[in-house]
Amino acid sequence: MDHTTSPDDLLLMPEVAQICRRSIDTMRWLRARGEGPAAHRAGRRVYYRRGDVMDWIRNQELAANQSAAVG
């Protein structure tokens, strides 16, 4: 079995919540506000691309570092 990851891997919300160390409810709230990682819908399921999730985390870190430098 291959354990490598790809930016194109599709993740479900519970997986994204675990990666982001946030609750599923928080991830739903962020998605509803348009503030979370880019999500894609296929039927009733919501999918995230691993690369989009990792980019979103990086952007959150950069924003936190910039606000800390200003404050």
PDB file of N, CA and C in Angstrom:
ATOM      1  N   MET A   1       0.840  -1.179   0.000  1.00  0.00           N
ATOM      2  CA  MET A   1       0.000   0.000   0.000  1.00  0.00           C
ATOM      3  C   MET A   1       0.885   1.242   0.000  1.00  0.00           C
ATOM      4  N   ASP A   2       0.544   2.220  -0.831  1.00  0.00           N
ATOM      5  CA  ASP A   2       1.310   3.449  -0.973  1.00  0.00           C
ATOM      6  C   ASP A   2       0.800   4.483   0.029  1.00  0.00           C
ATOM      7  N   HIS A   3       1.685   5.001   0.880  1.00  0.00           N
ATOM      8  CA  HIS A   3       1.283   5.952   1.912  1.00  0.00           C
ATOM      9  C   HIS A   3       1.690   7.383   1.572  1.00  0.00           C
ATOM     10  N   THR A   4       2.015   7.651   0.308  1.00  0.00           N
ATOM     11  CA  THR A   4       2.375   9.016  -0.058  1.00  0.00           C
ATOM     12  C   THR A   4       1.108   9.844  -0.209  1.00  0.00           C
ATOM     13  N   THR A   5       1.258  11.130  -0.020  1.00  0.00           N
ATOM     14  CA  THR A   5       0.118  12.027  -0.169  1.00  0.00           C
ATOM     15  C   THR A   5       0.342  12.921  -1.375  1.00  0.00           C
ATOM     16  N   SER A   6      -0.739  13.379  -1.916  1.00  0.00           N
ATOM     17  CA  SER A   6      -0.712  14.247  -3.079  1.00  0.00           C
ATOM     18  C   SER A   6      -1.584  15.462  -2.800  1.00  0.00           C
ATOM     19  N   PRO A   7      -1.236  16.629  -3.344  1.00  0.00           N
ATOM     20  CA  PRO A   7      -2.096  17.799  -3.172  1.00  0.00           C
ATOM     21  C   PRO A   7      -3.492  17.586  -3.755  1.00  0.00           C
ATOM     22  N   ASP A   8      -3.623  16.628  -4.657  1.00  0.00           N
ATOM     23  CA  ASP A   8      -4.918  16.360  -5.293  1.00  0.00           C
ATOM     24  C   ASP A   8      -5.764  15.346  -4.523  1.00  0.00           C
ATOM     25  N   ASP A   9      -5.242  14.803  -3.415  1.00  0.00           N
ATOM     26  CA  ASP A   9      -6.036  13.872  -2.609  1.00  0.00           C
ATOM     27  C   ASP A   9      -7.328  14.547  -2.183  1.00  0.00           C
ATOM     28  N   LEU A  10      -8.425  13.808  -2.248  1.00  0.00           N
ATOM     29  CA  LEU A  10      -9.713  14.329  -1.801  1.00  0.00           C
ATOM     30  C   LEU A  10      -9.934  13.916  -0.347  1.00  0.00           C
ATOM     31  N   LEU A  11     -10.294  14.883   0.473  1.00  0.00           N
ATOM     32  CA  LEU A  11     -10.522  14.656   1.897  1.00  0.00           C
ATOM     33  C   LEU A  11     -11.961  14.995   2.246  1.00  0.00           C
ATOM     34  N   LEU A  12     -12.503  14.279   3.216  1.00  0.00           N
ATOM     35  CA  LEU A  12     -13.825  14.589   3.742  1.00  0.00           C
ATOM     36  C   LEU A  12     -13.675  15.531   4.942  1.00  0.00           C
ATOM     37  N   MET A  13     -14.772  16.154   5.332  1.00  0.00           N
ATOM     38  CA  MET A  13     -14.720  17.139   6.402  1.00  0.00           C
ATOM     39  C   MET A  13     -14.109  16.606   7.699  1.00  0.00           C
ATOM     40  N   PRO A  14     -14.430  15.388   8.153  1.00  0.00           N
ATOM     41  CA  PRO A  14     -13.789  14.905   9.381  1.00  0.00           C
ATOM     42  C   PRO A  14     -12.261  14.842   9.269  1.00  0.00           C
ATOM     43  N   GLU A  15     -11.753  14.491   8.086  1.00  0.00           N
ATOM     44  CA  GLU A  15     -10.310  14.440   7.882  1.00  0.00           C
ATOM     45  C   GLU A  15      -9.705  15.842   7.928  1.00  0.00           C
ATOM     46  N   VAL A  16     -10.400  16.790   7.307  1.00  0.00           N
ATOM     47  CA  VAL A  16      -9.920  18.173   7.299  1.00  0.00           C
ATOM     48  C   VAL A  16      -9.950  18.741   8.716  1.00  0.00           C
ATOM     49  N   ALA A  17     -10.996  18.468   9.446  1.00  0.00           N
ATOM     50  CA  ALA A  17     -11.095  18.942  10.828  1.00  0.00           C
ATOM     51  C   ALA A  17      -9.934  18.400  11.654  1.00  0.00           C
ATOM     52  N   GLN A  18      -9.591  17.146  11.447  1.00  0.00           N
ATOM     53  CA  GLN A  18      -8.480  16.539  12.180  1.00  0.00           C
ATOM     54  C   GLN A  18      -7.156  17.204  11.802  1.00  0.00           C
ATOM     55  N   ILE A  19      -6.928  17.423  10.523  1.00  0.00           N
ATOM     56  CA  ILE A  19      -5.692  18.063  10.062  1.00  0.00           C
ATOM     57  C   ILE A  19      -5.578  19.473  10.642  1.00  0.00           C
ATOM     58  N   CYS A  20      -6.702  20.202  10.639  1.00  0.00           N
ATOM     59  CA  CYS A  20      -6.711  21.590  11.115  1.00  0.00           C
ATOM     60  C   CYS A  20      -6.821  21.696  12.631  1.00  0.00           C
ATOM     61  N   ARG A  21      -7.070  20.559  13.285  1.00  0.00           N
ATOM     62  CA  ARG A  21      -7.254  20.518  14.738  1.00  0.00           C
ATOM     63  C   ARG A  21      -8.392  21.432  15.179  1.00  0.00           C
ATOM     64  N   ARG A  22      -9.479  21.329  14.428  1.00  0.00           N
ATOM     65  CA  ARG A  22     -10.695  22.063  14.730  1.00  0.00           C
ATOM     66  C   ARG A  22     -11.844  21.068  14.746  1.00  0.00           C
ATOM     67  N   SER A  23     -12.954  21.453  15.343  1.00  0.00           N
ATOM     68  CA  SER A  23     -14.114  20.567  15.347  1.00  0.00           C
ATOM     69  C   SER A  23     -14.780  20.583  13.971  1.00  0.00           C
ATOM     70  N   ILE A  24     -15.558  19.558  13.712  1.00  0.00           N
ATOM     71  CA  ILE A  24     -16.312  19.496  12.459  1.00  0.00           C
ATOM     72  C   ILE A  24     -17.279  20.668  12.392  1.00  0.00           C
ATOM     73  N   ASP A  25     -17.914  21.003  13.529  1.00  0.00           N
ATOM     74  CA  ASP A  25     -18.840  22.144  13.548  1.00  0.00           C
ATOM     75  C   ASP A  25     -18.130  23.447  13.194  1.00  0.00           C
ATOM     76  N   THR A  26     -16.916  23.629  13.680  1.00  0.00           N
ATOM     77  CA  THR A  26     -16.155  24.838  13.340  1.00  0.00           C
ATOM     78  C   THR A  26     -15.838  24.865  11.857  1.00  0.00           C
ATOM     79  N   MET A  27     -15.467  23.720  11.298  1.00  0.00           N
ATOM     80  CA  MET A  27     -15.169  23.670   9.861  1.00  0.00           C
ATOM     81  C   MET A  27     -16.426  23.978   9.048  1.00  0.00           C
ATOM     82  N   ARG A  28     -17.581  23.483   9.478  1.00  0.00           N
ATOM     83  CA  ARG A  28     -18.839  23.803   8.797  1.00  0.00           C
ATOM     84  C   ARG A  28     -19.136  25.293   8.873  1.00  0.00           C
ATOM     85  N   TRP A  29     -18.917  25.879  10.048  1.00  0.00           N
ATOM     86  CA  TRP A  29     -19.162  27.307  10.252  1.00  0.00           C
ATOM     87  C   TRP A  29     -18.245  28.136   9.352  1.00  0.00           C
ATOM     88  N   LEU A  30     -16.958  27.779   9.302  1.00  0.00           N
ATOM     89  CA  LEU A  30     -16.019  28.490   8.437  1.00  0.00           C
ATOM     90  C   LEU A  30     -16.416  28.367   6.972  1.00  0.00           C
ATOM     91  N   ARG A  31     -16.848  27.190   6.576  1.00  0.00           N
ATOM     92  CA  ARG A  31     -17.270  26.975   5.190  1.00  0.00           C
ATOM     93  C   ARG A  31     -18.492  27.828   4.867  1.00  0.00           C
ATOM     94  N   ALA A  32     -19.457  27.876   5.775  1.00  0.00           N
ATOM     95  CA  ALA A  32     -20.680  28.662   5.552  1.00  0.00           C
ATOM     96  C   ALA A  32     -20.359  30.152   5.416  1.00  0.00           C
ATOM     97  N   ARG A  33     -19.353  30.612   6.134  1.00  0.00           N
ATOM     98  CA  ARG A  33     -18.951  32.022   6.078  1.00  0.00           C
ATOM     99  C   ARG A  33     -17.987  32.307   4.926  1.00  0.00           C
ATOM    100  N   GLY A  34     -17.555  31.267   4.214  1.00  0.00           N
ATOM    101  CA  GLY A  34     -16.611  31.445   3.125  1.00  0.00           C
ATOM    102  C   GLY A  34     -15.195  31.716   3.613  1.00  0.00           C
ATOM    103  N   GLU A  35     -14.895  31.312   4.842  1.00  0.00           N
ATOM    104  CA  GLU A  35     -13.596  31.593   5.443  1.00  0.00           C
ATOM    105  C   GLU A  35     -12.700  30.362   5.571  1.00  0.00           C
ATOM    106  N   GLY A  36     -13.200  29.201   5.249  1.00  0.00           N
ATOM    107  CA  GLY A  36     -12.415  27.981   5.378  1.00  0.00           C
ATOM    108  C   GLY A  36     -11.705  27.638   4.084  1.00  0.00           C
ATOM    109  N   PRO A  37     -11.082  26.476   4.058  1.00  0.00           N
ATOM    110  CA  PRO A  37     -10.436  26.022   2.826  1.00  0.00           C
ATOM    111  C   PRO A  37     -11.464  25.831   1.710  1.00  0.00           C
ATOM    112  N   ALA A  38     -11.010  25.947   0.481  1.00  0.00           N
ATOM    113  CA  ALA A  38     -11.898  25.750  -0.671  1.00  0.00           C
ATOM    114  C   ALA A  38     -12.503  24.350  -0.614  1.00  0.00           C
ATOM    115  N   ALA A  39     -13.810  24.277  -0.787  1.00  0.00           N
ATOM    116  CA  ALA A  39     -14.527  23.003  -0.730  1.00  0.00           C
ATOM    117  C   ALA A  39     -15.247  22.769  -2.045  1.00  0.00           C
ATOM    118  N   HIS A  40     -15.491  21.515  -2.334  1.00  0.00           N
ATOM    119  CA  HIS A  40     -16.173  21.120  -3.567  1.00  0.00           C
ATOM    120  C   HIS A  40     -17.278  20.144  -3.202  1.00  0.00           C
ATOM    121  N   ARG A  41     -18.402  20.300  -3.831  1.00  0.00           N
ATOM    122  CA  ARG A  41     -19.546  19.456  -3.528  1.00  0.00           C
ATOM    123  C   ARG A  41     -19.755  18.452  -4.663  1.00  0.00           C
ATOM    124  N   ALA A  42     -20.022  17.220  -4.281  1.00  0.00           N
ATOM    125  CA  ALA A  42     -20.397  16.164  -5.227  1.00  0.00           C
ATOM    126  C   ALA A  42     -21.606  15.463  -4.616  1.00  0.00           C
ATOM    127  N   GLY A  43     -22.775  15.805  -5.101  1.00  0.00           N
ATOM    128  CA  GLY A  43     -23.990  15.286  -4.483  1.00  0.00           C
ATOM    129  C   GLY A  43     -24.142  15.892  -3.104  1.00  0.00           C
ATOM    130  N   ARG A  44     -24.295  15.055  -2.102  1.00  0.00           N
ATOM    131  CA  ARG A  44     -24.442  15.547  -0.732  1.00  0.00           C
ATOM    132  C   ARG A  44     -23.108  15.651   0.006  1.00  0.00           C
ATOM    133  N   ARG A  45     -22.065  15.132  -0.579  1.00  0.00           N
ATOM    134  CA  ARG A  45     -20.757  15.127   0.073  1.00  0.00           C
ATOM    135  C   ARG A  45     -19.972  16.390  -0.248  1.00  0.00           C
ATOM    136  N   VAL A  46     -19.212  16.827   0.736  1.00  0.00           N
ATOM    137  CA  VAL A  46     -18.311  17.964   0.567  1.00  0.00           C
ATOM    138  C   VAL A  46     -16.887  17.426   0.624  1.00  0.00           C
ATOM    139  N   TYR A  47     -16.122  17.752  -0.382  1.00  0.00           N
ATOM    140  CA  TYR A  47     -14.736  17.298  -0.476  1.00  0.00           C
ATOM    141  C   TYR A  47     -13.801  18.486  -0.446  1.00  0.00           C
ATOM    142  N   TYR A  48     -12.604  18.244   0.043  1.00  0.00           N
ATOM    143  CA  TYR A  48     -11.546  19.240   0.046  1.00  0.00           C
ATOM    144  C   TYR A  48     -10.328  18.618  -0.608  1.00  0.00           C
ATOM    145  N   ARG A  49      -9.592  19.384  -1.379  1.00  0.00           N
ATOM    146  CA  ARG A  49      -8.312  18.904  -1.896  1.00  0.00           C
ATOM    147  C   ARG A  49      -7.246  19.177  -0.844  1.00  0.00           C
ATOM    148  N   ARG A  50      -6.395  18.192  -0.620  1.00  0.00           N
ATOM    149  CA  ARG A  50      -5.352  18.314   0.400  1.00  0.00           C
ATOM    150  C   ARG A  50      -4.523  19.593   0.186  1.00  0.00           C
ATOM    151  N   GLY A  51      -4.186  19.894  -1.050  1.00  0.00           N
ATOM    152  CA  GLY A  51      -3.391  21.092  -1.339  1.00  0.00           C
ATOM    153  C   GLY A  51      -4.105  22.367  -0.926  1.00  0.00           C
ATOM    154  N   ASP A  52      -5.428  22.429  -1.137  1.00  0.00           N
ATOM    155  CA  ASP A  52      -6.199  23.608  -0.729  1.00  0.00           C
ATOM    156  C   ASP A  52      -6.201  23.758   0.785  1.00  0.00           C
ATOM    157  N   VAL A  53      -6.307  22.641   1.478  1.00  0.00           N
ATOM    158  CA  VAL A  53      -6.306  22.676   2.946  1.00  0.00           C
ATOM    159  C   VAL A  53      -4.950  23.162   3.455  1.00  0.00           C
ATOM    160  N   MET A  54      -3.876  22.639   2.898  1.00  0.00           N
ATOM    161  CA  MET A  54      -2.539  23.024   3.346  1.00  0.00           C
ATOM    162  C   MET A  54      -2.267  24.495   3.009  1.00  0.00           C
ATOM    163  N   ASP A  55      -2.729  24.971   1.853  1.00  0.00           N
ATOM    164  CA  ASP A  55      -2.587  26.387   1.496  1.00  0.00           C
ATOM    165  C   ASP A  55      -3.348  27.269   2.479  1.00  0.00           C
ATOM    166  N   TRP A  56      -4.551  26.848   2.852  1.00  0.00           N
ATOM    167  CA  TRP A  56      -5.362  27.618   3.788  1.00  0.00           C
ATOM    168  C   TRP A  56      -4.665  27.710   5.153  1.00  0.00           C
ATOM    169  N   ILE A  57      -4.085  26.602   5.611  1.00  0.00           N
ATOM    170  CA  ILE A  57      -3.363  26.611   6.879  1.00  0.00           C
ATOM    171  C   ILE A  57      -2.178  27.572   6.792  1.00  0.00           C
ATOM    172  N   ARG A  58      -1.415  27.517   5.689  1.00  0.00           N
ATOM    173  CA  ARG A  58      -0.278  28.429   5.516  1.00  0.00           C
ATOM    174  C   ARG A  58      -0.728  29.892   5.547  1.00  0.00           C
ATOM    175  N   ASN A  59      -1.842  30.183   4.862  1.00  0.00           N
ATOM    176  CA  ASN A  59      -2.360  31.553   4.840  1.00  0.00           C
ATOM    177  C   ASN A  59      -2.793  32.005   6.224  1.00  0.00           C
ATOM    178  N   GLN A  60      -3.367  31.097   7.016  1.00  0.00           N
ATOM    179  CA  GLN A  60      -3.747  31.431   8.389  1.00  0.00           C
ATOM    180  C   GLN A  60      -2.508  31.759   9.221  1.00  0.00           C
ATOM    181  N   GLU A  61      -1.442  30.993   9.024  1.00  0.00           N
ATOM    182  CA  GLU A  61      -0.196  31.252   9.751  1.00  0.00           C
ATOM    183  C   GLU A  61       0.399  32.598   9.358  1.00  0.00           C
ATOM    184  N   LEU A  62       0.410  32.882   8.055  1.00  0.00           N
ATOM    185  CA  LEU A  62       0.952  34.160   7.586  1.00  0.00           C
ATOM    186  C   LEU A  62       0.155  35.334   8.136  1.00  0.00           C
ATOM    187  N   ALA A  63      -1.165  35.224   8.117  1.00  0.00           N
ATOM    188  CA  ALA A  63      -2.023  36.299   8.628  1.00  0.00           C
ATOM    189  C   ALA A  63      -1.777  36.505  10.116  1.00  0.00           C
ATOM    190  N   ALA A  64      -1.621  35.433  10.870  1.00  0.00           N
ATOM    191  CA  ALA A  64      -1.365  35.544  12.307  1.00  0.00           C
ATOM    192  C   ALA A  64      -0.003  36.193  12.553  1.00  0.00           C
ATOM    193  N   ASN A  65       0.987  35.824  11.773  1.00  0.00           N
ATOM    194  CA  ASN A  65       2.321  36.403  11.932  1.00  0.00           C
ATOM    195  C   ASN A  65       2.327  37.888  11.568  1.00  0.00           C
ATOM    196  N   GLN A  66       1.593  38.265  10.526  1.00  0.00           N
ATOM    197  CA  GLN A  66       1.528  39.667  10.121  1.00  0.00           C
ATOM    198  C   GLN A  66       0.820  40.502  11.167  1.00  0.00           C
ATOM    199  N   SER A  67      -0.276  39.987  11.718  1.00  0.00           N
ATOM    200  CA  SER A  67      -0.990  40.762  12.737  1.00  0.00           C
ATOM    201  C   SER A  67      -0.166  40.862  14.018  1.00  0.00           C
ATOM    202  N   ALA A  68       0.624  39.850  14.328  1.00  0.00           N
ATOM    203  CA  ALA A  68       1.485  39.894  15.513  1.00  0.00           C
ATOM    204  C   ALA A  68       2.604  40.922  15.323  1.00  0.00           C
ATOM    205  N   ALA A  69       3.114  41.046  14.082  1.00  0.00           N
ATOM    206  CA  ALA A  69       4.185  41.991  13.799  1.00  0.00           C
ATOM    207  C   ALA A  69       3.679  43.430  13.863  1.00  0.00           C
ATOM    208  N   VAL A  70       2.420  43.639  13.478  1.00  0.00           N
ATOM    209  CA  VAL A  70       1.839  44.982  13.495  1.00  0.00           C
ATOM    210  C   VAL A  70       1.508  45.384  14.920  1.00  0.00           C
ATOM    211  N   GLY A  71       0.971  44.434  15.689  1.00  0.00           N
ATOM    212  CA  GLY A  71       0.504  44.723  17.049  1.00  0.00           C
ATOM    213  C   GLY A  71       1.607  44.726  17.990  1.00  0.00           C
TER     214      GLY A  71
END
